C-alpha cells in the first residue's frame, strides 16, 4: 500500500507516494523523473543504479525508499552541488570533475555503466583524493562496463584526481592540460 514518504534528493526535500518497500530506483526514475540512476541488473551486481546516500555509494535497485528517510540522496544530477558543498565553493560547477574527466577521456560508450562509475569514483575521490591505480581498481570492482572501457575509466578518475588536487592547491589547470595526463 502506498504511503506518503518524505525524502531528500539532491538537496531538495520531496514528498513521494510509494509503498515503503518500493526500490529507491523506481521512485527516483518514475516519480522524480531523474535519469542518472539506471536499471541494470536489479540485483545490485552491476552498479548502474548507484546513488550516494549520505556520501556512501548505495545500490538503489535493492534499497527500499523507506531506508533513505532522513538521509541525503545524491544522484548523478546532484553531483556538482554535492561537490561544491564539500569544497565550500560559492557556486557549483556545471559538472563534477569526474563527470568532466569521463567526457575528456571519452570513457563513456553505450551509457550502461556511466552513472555507477561516476558515482563510485566521486565517492572514492571524496575519501581518497589521490588514489593510485590499485586503489582505483579495487574501489571500482563490482561496477560493470559492457563496452570494456575500463582503461579509459581509470584514466578519467586519475585525471579528475589531478584536477581536484590542483584546484584544492589553488592552481589553475586548463582542461586537457593536466600534468602527466594525455588529452
N, C-alpha and C. Protein backbone atom coordinates (compact mmCIF):
# COMPACT_ATOMS: atom_id res chain seq x y z
N UNK A 1 0.84 -1.17 0.00
CA UNK A 1 0.00 0.00 0.00
C UNK A 1 0.88 1.24 0.00
N UNK A 2 0.55 2.19 -0.87
CA UNK A 2 1.32 3.42 -1.00
C UNK A 2 1.14 4.30 0.23
N UNK A 3 2.21 4.95 0.58
CA UNK A 3 2.21 5.90 1.70
C UNK A 3 2.92 7.15 1.22
N UNK A 4 2.69 8.25 1.89
CA UNK A 4 3.42 9.46 1.56
C UNK A 4 4.69 9.48 2.39
N UNK A 5 5.82 9.48 1.71
CA UNK A 5 7.12 9.48 2.36
C UNK A 5 7.86 10.77 2.00
N UNK A 6 8.64 11.27 2.91
CA UNK A 6 9.45 12.46 2.65
C UNK A 6 10.91 12.03 2.57
N UNK A 7 11.54 12.37 1.45
CA UNK A 7 12.96 12.06 1.27
C UNK A 7 13.68 13.31 0.77
N UNK A 8 14.98 13.33 0.96
CA UNK A 8 15.79 14.45 0.50
C UNK A 8 16.68 13.97 -0.64
N UNK A 9 16.45 14.54 -1.82
CA UNK A 9 17.19 14.14 -3.02
C UNK A 9 17.82 15.38 -3.65
N UNK A 10 19.13 15.32 -3.84
CA UNK A 10 19.86 16.43 -4.46
C UNK A 10 19.54 17.77 -3.78
N UNK A 11 19.57 17.75 -2.46
CA UNK A 11 19.38 18.93 -1.62
C UNK A 11 17.94 19.45 -1.62
N UNK A 12 17.01 18.70 -2.19
CA UNK A 12 15.60 19.10 -2.17
C UNK A 12 14.81 18.09 -1.36
N UNK A 13 13.95 18.59 -0.50
CA UNK A 13 13.05 17.71 0.25
C UNK A 13 11.80 17.52 -0.60
N UNK A 14 11.46 16.25 -0.84
CA UNK A 14 10.31 15.94 -1.69
C UNK A 14 9.42 14.91 -1.00
N UNK A 15 8.14 15.00 -1.29
CA UNK A 15 7.18 14.01 -0.82
C UNK A 15 6.87 13.08 -1.99
N UNK A 16 6.90 11.78 -1.71
CA UNK A 16 6.61 10.79 -2.75
C UNK A 16 5.55 9.84 -2.23
N UNK A 17 4.76 9.33 -3.15
CA UNK A 17 3.74 8.34 -2.80
C UNK A 17 4.25 6.98 -3.25
N UNK A 18 4.63 6.14 -2.29
CA UNK A 18 5.18 4.82 -2.62
C UNK A 18 5.05 3.91 -1.41
N UNK A 19 4.94 2.64 -1.69
CA UNK A 19 4.99 1.66 -0.61
C UNK A 19 6.40 1.72 -0.02
N UNK A 20 6.54 1.59 1.29
CA UNK A 20 7.86 1.70 1.93
C UNK A 20 8.92 0.75 1.36
N UNK A 21 8.50 -0.41 0.85
CA UNK A 21 9.47 -1.37 0.32
C UNK A 21 9.79 -1.15 -1.16
N UNK A 22 9.21 -0.14 -1.79
CA UNK A 22 9.49 0.16 -3.19
C UNK A 22 10.97 0.48 -3.35
N UNK A 23 11.64 -0.10 -4.34
CA UNK A 23 13.05 0.23 -4.55
C UNK A 23 13.23 1.73 -4.81
N UNK A 24 14.22 2.31 -4.19
CA UNK A 24 14.53 3.72 -4.36
C UNK A 24 14.68 4.07 -5.83
N UNK A 25 15.29 3.19 -6.61
CA UNK A 25 15.47 3.43 -8.04
C UNK A 25 14.15 3.76 -8.73
N UNK A 26 13.10 3.03 -8.41
CA UNK A 26 11.80 3.25 -9.06
C UNK A 26 11.25 4.62 -8.70
N UNK A 27 11.43 5.03 -7.46
CA UNK A 27 10.95 6.35 -7.03
C UNK A 27 11.75 7.44 -7.75
N UNK A 28 13.07 7.29 -7.79
CA UNK A 28 13.90 8.29 -8.44
C UNK A 28 13.58 8.41 -9.93
N UNK A 29 13.40 7.27 -10.58
CA UNK A 29 13.16 7.26 -12.02
C UNK A 29 11.72 7.61 -12.38
N UNK A 30 10.77 6.96 -11.73
CA UNK A 30 9.37 7.07 -12.13
C UNK A 30 8.65 8.27 -11.52
N UNK A 31 8.93 8.59 -10.27
CA UNK A 31 8.23 9.70 -9.63
C UNK A 31 8.99 11.01 -9.78
N UNK A 32 10.30 10.97 -9.60
CA UNK A 32 11.08 12.20 -9.65
C UNK A 32 11.67 12.46 -11.03
N UNK A 33 11.52 11.50 -11.93
CA UNK A 33 11.96 11.63 -13.33
C UNK A 33 13.45 11.92 -13.48
N UNK A 34 14.25 11.38 -12.58
CA UNK A 34 15.70 11.51 -12.66
C UNK A 34 16.24 10.44 -13.60
N UNK A 35 17.17 10.80 -14.44
CA UNK A 35 17.67 9.87 -15.45
C UNK A 35 19.06 9.34 -15.16
N UNK A 36 19.70 9.82 -14.08
CA UNK A 36 21.05 9.34 -13.75
C UNK A 36 21.05 7.89 -13.35
N UNK A 37 20.41 7.53 -12.24
CA UNK A 37 20.39 6.12 -11.84
C UNK A 37 19.63 5.29 -12.88
N UNK A 38 20.21 4.18 -13.25
CA UNK A 38 19.63 3.35 -14.31
C UNK A 38 19.39 1.93 -13.83
N UNK A 39 18.36 1.33 -14.39
CA UNK A 39 18.12 -0.08 -14.11
C UNK A 39 19.11 -0.88 -14.94
N UNK A 40 19.87 -1.73 -14.28
CA UNK A 40 20.83 -2.58 -14.97
C UNK A 40 20.50 -4.04 -14.78
N UNK A 41 20.73 -4.53 -13.57
CA UNK A 41 20.52 -5.95 -13.29
C UNK A 41 19.38 -6.19 -12.30
N UNK A 42 19.08 -5.21 -11.48
CA UNK A 42 18.05 -5.37 -10.46
C UNK A 42 18.49 -6.21 -9.28
N UNK A 43 19.78 -6.56 -9.23
CA UNK A 43 20.31 -7.42 -8.17
C UNK A 43 21.50 -6.81 -7.43
N UNK A 44 21.74 -5.54 -7.64
CA UNK A 44 22.86 -4.83 -7.00
C UNK A 44 24.22 -5.38 -7.39
N UNK A 45 24.32 -5.92 -8.60
CA UNK A 45 25.58 -6.52 -9.02
C UNK A 45 26.33 -5.73 -10.09
N UNK A 46 25.66 -4.77 -10.75
CA UNK A 46 26.32 -4.08 -11.85
C UNK A 46 26.71 -2.64 -11.53
N UNK A 47 25.99 -1.98 -10.64
CA UNK A 47 26.31 -0.62 -10.25
C UNK A 47 25.60 0.48 -11.03
N UNK A 48 24.83 0.13 -12.05
CA UNK A 48 24.16 1.15 -12.87
C UNK A 48 23.22 2.04 -12.08
N UNK A 49 22.66 1.51 -11.02
CA UNK A 49 21.64 2.23 -10.23
C UNK A 49 22.23 3.00 -9.06
N UNK A 50 23.52 3.08 -8.98
CA UNK A 50 24.17 3.67 -7.80
C UNK A 50 23.80 5.12 -7.57
N UNK A 51 23.64 5.45 -6.30
CA UNK A 51 23.45 6.81 -5.81
C UNK A 51 24.32 6.95 -4.57
N UNK A 52 24.48 8.17 -4.09
CA UNK A 52 25.14 8.38 -2.81
C UNK A 52 24.07 8.58 -1.76
N UNK A 53 24.17 7.87 -0.66
CA UNK A 53 23.29 8.08 0.48
C UNK A 53 24.20 8.52 1.62
N UNK A 54 24.03 9.77 2.01
CA UNK A 54 24.93 10.38 3.00
C UNK A 54 26.39 10.21 2.59
N UNK A 55 26.66 10.34 1.28
CA UNK A 55 28.01 10.29 0.76
C UNK A 55 28.57 8.91 0.51
N UNK A 56 27.76 7.86 0.72
CA UNK A 56 28.22 6.48 0.54
C UNK A 56 27.48 5.87 -0.65
N UNK A 57 28.25 5.28 -1.58
CA UNK A 57 27.64 4.66 -2.76
C UNK A 57 26.68 3.55 -2.32
N UNK A 58 25.48 3.59 -2.86
CA UNK A 58 24.42 2.66 -2.49
C UNK A 58 23.70 2.22 -3.76
N UNK A 59 23.38 0.94 -3.83
CA UNK A 59 22.66 0.40 -5.00
C UNK A 59 21.16 0.64 -4.79
N UNK A 60 20.60 1.54 -5.57
CA UNK A 60 19.21 1.95 -5.37
C UNK A 60 18.19 0.92 -5.85
N UNK A 61 18.62 -0.08 -6.62
CA UNK A 61 17.67 -1.09 -7.10
C UNK A 61 17.23 -2.05 -5.99
N UNK A 62 18.02 -2.13 -4.93
CA UNK A 62 17.67 -3.03 -3.82
C UNK A 62 17.49 -2.30 -2.49
N UNK A 63 17.54 -0.98 -2.54
CA UNK A 63 17.37 -0.18 -1.33
C UNK A 63 15.93 0.30 -1.25
N UNK A 64 15.19 -0.10 -0.22
CA UNK A 64 13.81 0.39 -0.10
C UNK A 64 13.80 1.90 0.14
N UNK A 65 12.84 2.57 -0.46
CA UNK A 65 12.74 4.02 -0.32
C UNK A 65 12.63 4.41 1.16
N UNK A 66 12.01 3.59 1.96
CA UNK A 66 11.86 3.91 3.39
C UNK A 66 13.22 3.96 4.10
N UNK A 67 14.22 3.29 3.56
CA UNK A 67 15.55 3.27 4.20
C UNK A 67 16.30 4.58 4.05
N UNK A 68 15.84 5.47 3.17
CA UNK A 68 16.56 6.73 2.97
C UNK A 68 15.87 7.93 3.60
N UNK A 69 14.78 7.69 4.30
CA UNK A 69 14.12 8.80 5.00
C UNK A 69 15.10 9.37 6.03
N UNK A 70 15.21 10.68 6.06
CA UNK A 70 16.12 11.34 6.99
C UNK A 70 17.57 11.35 6.52
N UNK A 71 17.82 10.86 5.33
CA UNK A 71 19.18 10.82 4.79
C UNK A 71 19.23 11.64 3.50
N UNK A 72 20.43 12.02 3.10
CA UNK A 72 20.63 12.79 1.87
C UNK A 72 20.96 11.84 0.73
N UNK A 73 20.13 11.82 -0.31
CA UNK A 73 20.37 11.03 -1.52
C UNK A 73 20.92 11.97 -2.58
N UNK A 74 22.03 11.59 -3.19
CA UNK A 74 22.61 12.37 -4.28
C UNK A 74 22.69 11.49 -5.51
N UNK A 75 22.10 11.98 -6.59
CA UNK A 75 22.14 11.25 -7.86
C UNK A 75 23.16 11.93 -8.78
N UNK A 76 23.34 11.37 -9.95
CA UNK A 76 24.25 11.94 -10.94
C UNK A 76 23.93 13.42 -11.18
N UNK A 77 22.65 13.75 -11.22
CA UNK A 77 22.23 15.12 -11.46
C UNK A 77 22.66 16.06 -10.33
N UNK A 78 22.81 15.56 -9.13
CA UNK A 78 23.16 16.38 -7.98
C UNK A 78 24.64 16.42 -7.64
N UNK A 79 25.47 15.70 -8.40
CA UNK A 79 26.91 15.65 -8.06
C UNK A 79 27.61 17.00 -8.07
N UNK A 80 27.36 17.89 -9.03
CA UNK A 80 28.05 19.19 -8.97
C UNK A 80 27.76 19.95 -7.68
N UNK A 81 26.51 19.97 -7.24
CA UNK A 81 26.16 20.67 -6.00
C UNK A 81 26.77 19.96 -4.79
N UNK A 82 26.78 18.62 -4.79
CA UNK A 82 27.39 17.84 -3.71
C UNK A 82 28.88 18.18 -3.60
N UNK A 83 29.56 18.26 -4.75
CA UNK A 83 30.98 18.59 -4.79
C UNK A 83 31.20 20.01 -4.27
N UNK A 84 30.37 20.95 -4.74
CA UNK A 84 30.51 22.34 -4.30
C UNK A 84 30.34 22.47 -2.80
N UNK A 85 29.39 21.73 -2.26
CA UNK A 85 29.16 21.77 -0.81
C UNK A 85 30.38 21.20 -0.07
N UNK A 86 30.93 20.10 -0.57
CA UNK A 86 32.13 19.51 0.07
C UNK A 86 33.30 20.47 0.05
N UNK A 87 33.49 21.14 -1.08
CA UNK A 87 34.66 22.01 -1.27
C UNK A 87 34.39 23.45 -0.85
N UNK A 88 33.17 23.71 -0.35
CA UNK A 88 32.78 25.05 0.09
C UNK A 88 32.95 26.08 -1.03
N UNK A 89 32.48 25.70 -2.22
CA UNK A 89 32.52 26.60 -3.37
C UNK A 89 31.28 27.49 -3.36
N UNK A 90 31.42 28.70 -3.81
CA UNK A 90 30.30 29.63 -3.84
C UNK A 90 29.23 29.17 -4.84
N UNK A 91 29.66 28.60 -5.95
CA UNK A 91 28.76 28.13 -6.99
C UNK A 91 29.18 26.72 -7.40
N UNK A 92 28.22 25.85 -7.66
CA UNK A 92 28.60 24.53 -8.16
C UNK A 92 29.09 24.63 -9.61
N UNK A 93 30.05 23.81 -9.97
CA UNK A 93 30.48 23.78 -11.36
C UNK A 93 29.38 23.16 -12.23
N UNK A 94 29.48 23.32 -13.52
CA UNK A 94 28.50 22.73 -14.43
C UNK A 94 28.50 21.21 -14.30
N UNK A 95 29.69 20.64 -14.13
CA UNK A 95 29.85 19.20 -13.97
C UNK A 95 30.81 18.93 -12.82
N UNK A 96 30.62 17.81 -12.14
CA UNK A 96 31.60 17.34 -11.15
C UNK A 96 32.88 17.02 -11.93
N UNK A 97 34.06 17.19 -11.34
CA UNK A 97 35.30 16.88 -12.05
C UNK A 97 35.35 15.46 -12.63
N UNK A 98 34.72 14.50 -11.98
CA UNK A 98 34.70 13.14 -12.54
C UNK A 98 33.85 13.10 -13.80
N UNK A 99 32.72 13.79 -13.79
CA UNK A 99 31.88 13.84 -15.00
C UNK A 99 32.66 14.45 -16.16
N UNK A 100 33.35 15.56 -15.90
CA UNK A 100 34.12 16.21 -16.97
C UNK A 100 35.26 15.32 -17.44
N UNK A 101 35.92 14.65 -16.52
CA UNK A 101 37.04 13.77 -16.90
C UNK A 101 36.55 12.60 -17.74
N UNK A 102 35.38 12.07 -17.44
CA UNK A 102 34.82 10.98 -18.26
C UNK A 102 34.60 11.45 -19.69
N UNK A 103 34.16 12.69 -19.85
CA UNK A 103 33.99 13.25 -21.19
C UNK A 103 35.35 13.44 -21.85
N UNK A 104 36.29 14.04 -21.13
CA UNK A 104 37.61 14.33 -21.69
C UNK A 104 38.34 13.06 -22.12
N UNK A 105 38.18 11.99 -21.37
CA UNK A 105 38.85 10.73 -21.69
C UNK A 105 38.02 9.85 -22.64
N UNK A 106 36.84 10.32 -23.01
CA UNK A 106 35.93 9.56 -23.86
C UNK A 106 35.71 8.15 -23.31
N UNK A 107 35.47 8.11 -22.00
CA UNK A 107 35.33 6.84 -21.30
C UNK A 107 33.95 6.22 -21.48
N UNK A 108 32.96 7.05 -21.77
CA UNK A 108 31.59 6.55 -21.87
C UNK A 108 31.32 6.09 -23.30
N UNK A 109 30.82 4.88 -23.43
CA UNK A 109 30.47 4.36 -24.75
C UNK A 109 28.96 4.23 -24.86
N UNK A 110 28.41 3.12 -24.39
CA UNK A 110 26.97 2.88 -24.55
C UNK A 110 26.12 3.59 -23.50
N UNK A 111 26.69 3.94 -22.37
CA UNK A 111 25.97 4.64 -21.33
C UNK A 111 25.42 3.75 -20.23
N UNK A 112 25.56 2.45 -20.38
CA UNK A 112 25.05 1.50 -19.39
C UNK A 112 25.68 1.73 -18.02
N UNK A 113 26.97 1.92 -17.96
CA UNK A 113 27.68 1.95 -16.68
C UNK A 113 27.98 3.32 -16.13
N UNK A 114 27.89 4.36 -16.97
CA UNK A 114 28.49 5.63 -16.57
C UNK A 114 27.93 6.20 -15.28
N UNK A 115 26.65 6.05 -15.01
CA UNK A 115 26.11 6.57 -13.76
C UNK A 115 26.86 5.96 -12.56
N UNK A 116 26.91 4.65 -12.51
CA UNK A 116 27.56 3.98 -11.38
C UNK A 116 29.04 4.26 -11.30
N UNK A 117 29.70 4.30 -12.44
CA UNK A 117 31.14 4.58 -12.45
C UNK A 117 31.42 5.97 -11.88
N UNK A 118 30.62 6.95 -12.31
CA UNK A 118 30.82 8.33 -11.85
C UNK A 118 30.49 8.47 -10.37
N UNK A 119 29.39 7.85 -9.95
CA UNK A 119 29.01 7.91 -8.53
C UNK A 119 30.11 7.30 -7.67
N UNK A 120 30.55 6.10 -8.03
CA UNK A 120 31.57 5.42 -7.22
C UNK A 120 32.89 6.17 -7.24
N UNK A 121 33.30 6.69 -8.40
CA UNK A 121 34.55 7.44 -8.49
C UNK A 121 34.47 8.72 -7.66
N UNK A 122 33.32 9.36 -7.65
CA UNK A 122 33.13 10.57 -6.84
C UNK A 122 33.25 10.27 -5.36
N UNK A 123 32.64 9.16 -4.96
CA UNK A 123 32.77 8.74 -3.56
C UNK A 123 34.23 8.45 -3.22
N UNK A 124 34.91 7.72 -4.09
CA UNK A 124 36.31 7.38 -3.86
C UNK A 124 37.15 8.65 -3.68
N UNK A 125 37.01 9.60 -4.61
CA UNK A 125 37.84 10.80 -4.54
C UNK A 125 37.48 11.71 -3.37
N UNK A 126 36.26 11.58 -2.86
CA UNK A 126 35.91 12.37 -1.67
C UNK A 126 36.59 11.81 -0.43
N UNK A 127 36.90 10.52 -0.45
CA UNK A 127 37.54 9.87 0.70
C UNK A 127 39.05 9.74 0.53
N UNK A 128 39.48 9.57 -0.71
CA UNK A 128 40.89 9.38 -1.02
C UNK A 128 41.21 10.23 -2.25
N UNK A 129 41.61 11.48 -2.05
CA UNK A 129 41.78 12.39 -3.18
C UNK A 129 42.92 12.03 -4.13
N UNK A 130 43.85 11.19 -3.71
CA UNK A 130 45.00 10.83 -4.55
C UNK A 130 45.18 9.31 -4.62
N UNK A 131 44.19 8.57 -5.08
CA UNK A 131 44.33 7.11 -5.13
C UNK A 131 45.30 6.67 -6.23
N UNK A 132 46.00 5.58 -5.96
CA UNK A 132 46.84 5.01 -7.02
C UNK A 132 45.97 4.06 -7.85
N UNK A 133 46.53 3.52 -8.90
CA UNK A 133 45.74 2.68 -9.82
C UNK A 133 45.16 1.45 -9.12
N UNK A 134 45.91 0.86 -8.22
CA UNK A 134 45.42 -0.31 -7.50
C UNK A 134 44.21 0.05 -6.64
N UNK A 135 44.27 1.20 -5.98
CA UNK A 135 43.14 1.65 -5.16
C UNK A 135 41.92 1.96 -6.02
N UNK A 136 42.15 2.54 -7.19
CA UNK A 136 41.04 2.83 -8.10
C UNK A 136 40.41 1.52 -8.56
N UNK A 137 41.22 0.58 -8.99
CA UNK A 137 40.68 -0.72 -9.45
C UNK A 137 39.89 -1.41 -8.35
N UNK A 138 40.41 -1.37 -7.14
CA UNK A 138 39.72 -2.00 -6.02
C UNK A 138 38.38 -1.33 -5.74
N UNK A 139 38.36 0.00 -5.74
CA UNK A 139 37.12 0.73 -5.47
C UNK A 139 36.08 0.48 -6.56
N UNK A 140 36.52 0.39 -7.79
CA UNK A 140 35.59 0.24 -8.91
C UNK A 140 35.16 -1.20 -9.14
N UNK A 141 35.74 -2.13 -8.40
CA UNK A 141 35.36 -3.53 -8.53
C UNK A 141 33.87 -3.68 -8.22
N UNK A 142 33.16 -4.38 -9.08
CA UNK A 142 31.72 -4.55 -8.89
C UNK A 142 30.90 -3.59 -9.74
N UNK A 143 31.57 -2.72 -10.48
CA UNK A 143 30.88 -1.85 -11.44
C UNK A 143 31.23 -2.38 -12.83
N UNK A 144 30.21 -2.82 -13.54
CA UNK A 144 30.41 -3.47 -14.82
C UNK A 144 30.28 -2.51 -15.99
N UNK A 145 31.20 -2.62 -16.94
CA UNK A 145 31.17 -1.84 -18.17
C UNK A 145 31.06 -2.84 -19.33
N UNK A 146 29.93 -2.84 -19.98
CA UNK A 146 29.70 -3.77 -21.09
C UNK A 146 30.63 -3.51 -22.26
N UNK A 147 31.08 -2.27 -22.43
CA UNK A 147 31.93 -1.93 -23.57
C UNK A 147 33.41 -2.16 -23.28
N UNK A 148 33.75 -2.41 -22.03
CA UNK A 148 35.14 -2.70 -21.67
C UNK A 148 36.05 -1.49 -21.70
N UNK A 149 35.53 -0.32 -21.38
CA UNK A 149 36.37 0.88 -21.40
C UNK A 149 37.08 1.12 -20.07
N UNK A 150 37.35 0.07 -19.34
CA UNK A 150 37.99 0.21 -18.03
C UNK A 150 39.27 1.04 -18.06
N UNK A 151 40.17 0.85 -19.05
CA UNK A 151 41.39 1.69 -19.05
C UNK A 151 41.07 3.19 -19.14
N UNK A 152 40.07 3.55 -19.94
CA UNK A 152 39.69 4.97 -20.05
C UNK A 152 39.03 5.46 -18.76
N UNK A 153 38.26 4.60 -18.13
CA UNK A 153 37.62 4.97 -16.87
C UNK A 153 38.68 5.24 -15.81
N UNK A 154 39.68 4.39 -15.74
CA UNK A 154 40.78 4.59 -14.78
C UNK A 154 41.51 5.90 -15.08
N UNK A 155 41.79 6.16 -16.37
CA UNK A 155 42.45 7.41 -16.74
C UNK A 155 41.58 8.61 -16.37
N UNK A 156 40.28 8.49 -16.54
CA UNK A 156 39.38 9.59 -16.20
C UNK A 156 39.42 9.87 -14.69
N UNK A 157 39.44 8.83 -13.89
CA UNK A 157 39.49 9.01 -12.44
C UNK A 157 40.82 9.65 -12.04
N UNK A 158 41.91 9.21 -12.67
CA UNK A 158 43.21 9.82 -12.40
C UNK A 158 43.21 11.30 -12.80
N UNK A 159 42.60 11.59 -13.94
CA UNK A 159 42.51 12.98 -14.41
C UNK A 159 41.72 13.82 -13.41
N UNK A 160 40.57 13.32 -12.99
CA UNK A 160 39.74 14.06 -12.04
C UNK A 160 40.50 14.30 -10.73
N UNK A 161 41.24 13.30 -10.28
CA UNK A 161 42.03 13.45 -9.06
C UNK A 161 43.03 14.58 -9.20
N UNK A 162 43.71 14.64 -10.33
CA UNK A 162 44.70 15.71 -10.56
C UNK A 162 44.04 17.07 -10.64
N UNK A 163 42.92 17.16 -11.32
CA UNK A 163 42.20 18.44 -11.42
C UNK A 163 41.73 18.88 -10.04
N UNK A 164 41.16 17.96 -9.28
CA UNK A 164 40.67 18.30 -7.94
C UNK A 164 41.82 18.70 -7.02
N UNK A 165 42.94 18.00 -7.12
CA UNK A 165 44.10 18.32 -6.28
C UNK A 165 44.65 19.68 -6.66
N UNK A 166 44.73 19.96 -7.94
CA UNK A 166 45.23 21.26 -8.40
C UNK A 166 44.31 22.38 -7.95
N UNK A 167 42.99 22.18 -8.04
CA UNK A 167 42.03 23.19 -7.61
C UNK A 167 42.15 23.44 -6.11
N UNK A 168 42.35 22.36 -5.35
CA UNK A 168 42.49 22.48 -3.89
C UNK A 168 43.76 23.23 -3.54
N UNK A 169 44.82 23.00 -4.33
CA UNK A 169 46.10 23.65 -4.07
C UNK A 169 46.10 25.10 -4.56
N UNK A 170 44.99 25.51 -5.21
CA UNK A 170 44.89 26.88 -5.67
C UNK A 170 45.43 27.10 -7.06
N UNK A 171 45.84 26.01 -7.72
CA UNK A 171 46.34 26.14 -9.08
C UNK A 171 45.23 26.24 -10.08
N UNK A 172 45.54 26.79 -11.22
CA UNK A 172 44.54 26.81 -12.28
C UNK A 172 45.01 25.86 -13.36
N UNK A 173 44.23 24.86 -13.61
CA UNK A 173 44.59 23.83 -14.56
C UNK A 173 43.63 23.92 -15.73
N UNK A 174 44.16 24.11 -16.90
CA UNK A 174 43.32 24.13 -18.08
C UNK A 174 42.89 22.72 -18.41
N UNK A 175 41.66 22.60 -18.86
CA UNK A 175 41.12 21.29 -19.22
C UNK A 175 42.01 20.66 -20.29
N UNK A 176 42.39 19.41 -20.08
CA UNK A 176 43.21 18.69 -21.04
C UNK A 176 44.70 18.96 -20.88
N UNK A 177 45.10 19.81 -19.94
CA UNK A 177 46.49 20.16 -19.78
C UNK A 177 47.06 19.67 -18.44
N UNK A 178 46.41 18.73 -17.81
CA UNK A 178 46.87 18.25 -16.52
C UNK A 178 48.22 17.55 -16.70
N UNK A 179 49.07 17.72 -15.72
CA UNK A 179 50.39 17.10 -15.76
C UNK A 179 50.28 15.58 -15.81
N UNK A 180 50.95 14.99 -16.80
CA UNK A 180 51.01 13.54 -16.88
C UNK A 180 49.76 12.88 -17.41
N UNK A 181 48.82 13.65 -17.93
CA UNK A 181 47.58 13.07 -18.43
C UNK A 181 47.48 13.40 -19.91
N UNK A 182 47.31 12.40 -20.73
CA UNK A 182 47.16 12.62 -22.17
C UNK A 182 45.76 13.12 -22.47
N UNK A 183 45.68 14.13 -23.28
CA UNK A 183 44.37 14.67 -23.67
C UNK A 183 43.77 13.84 -24.78
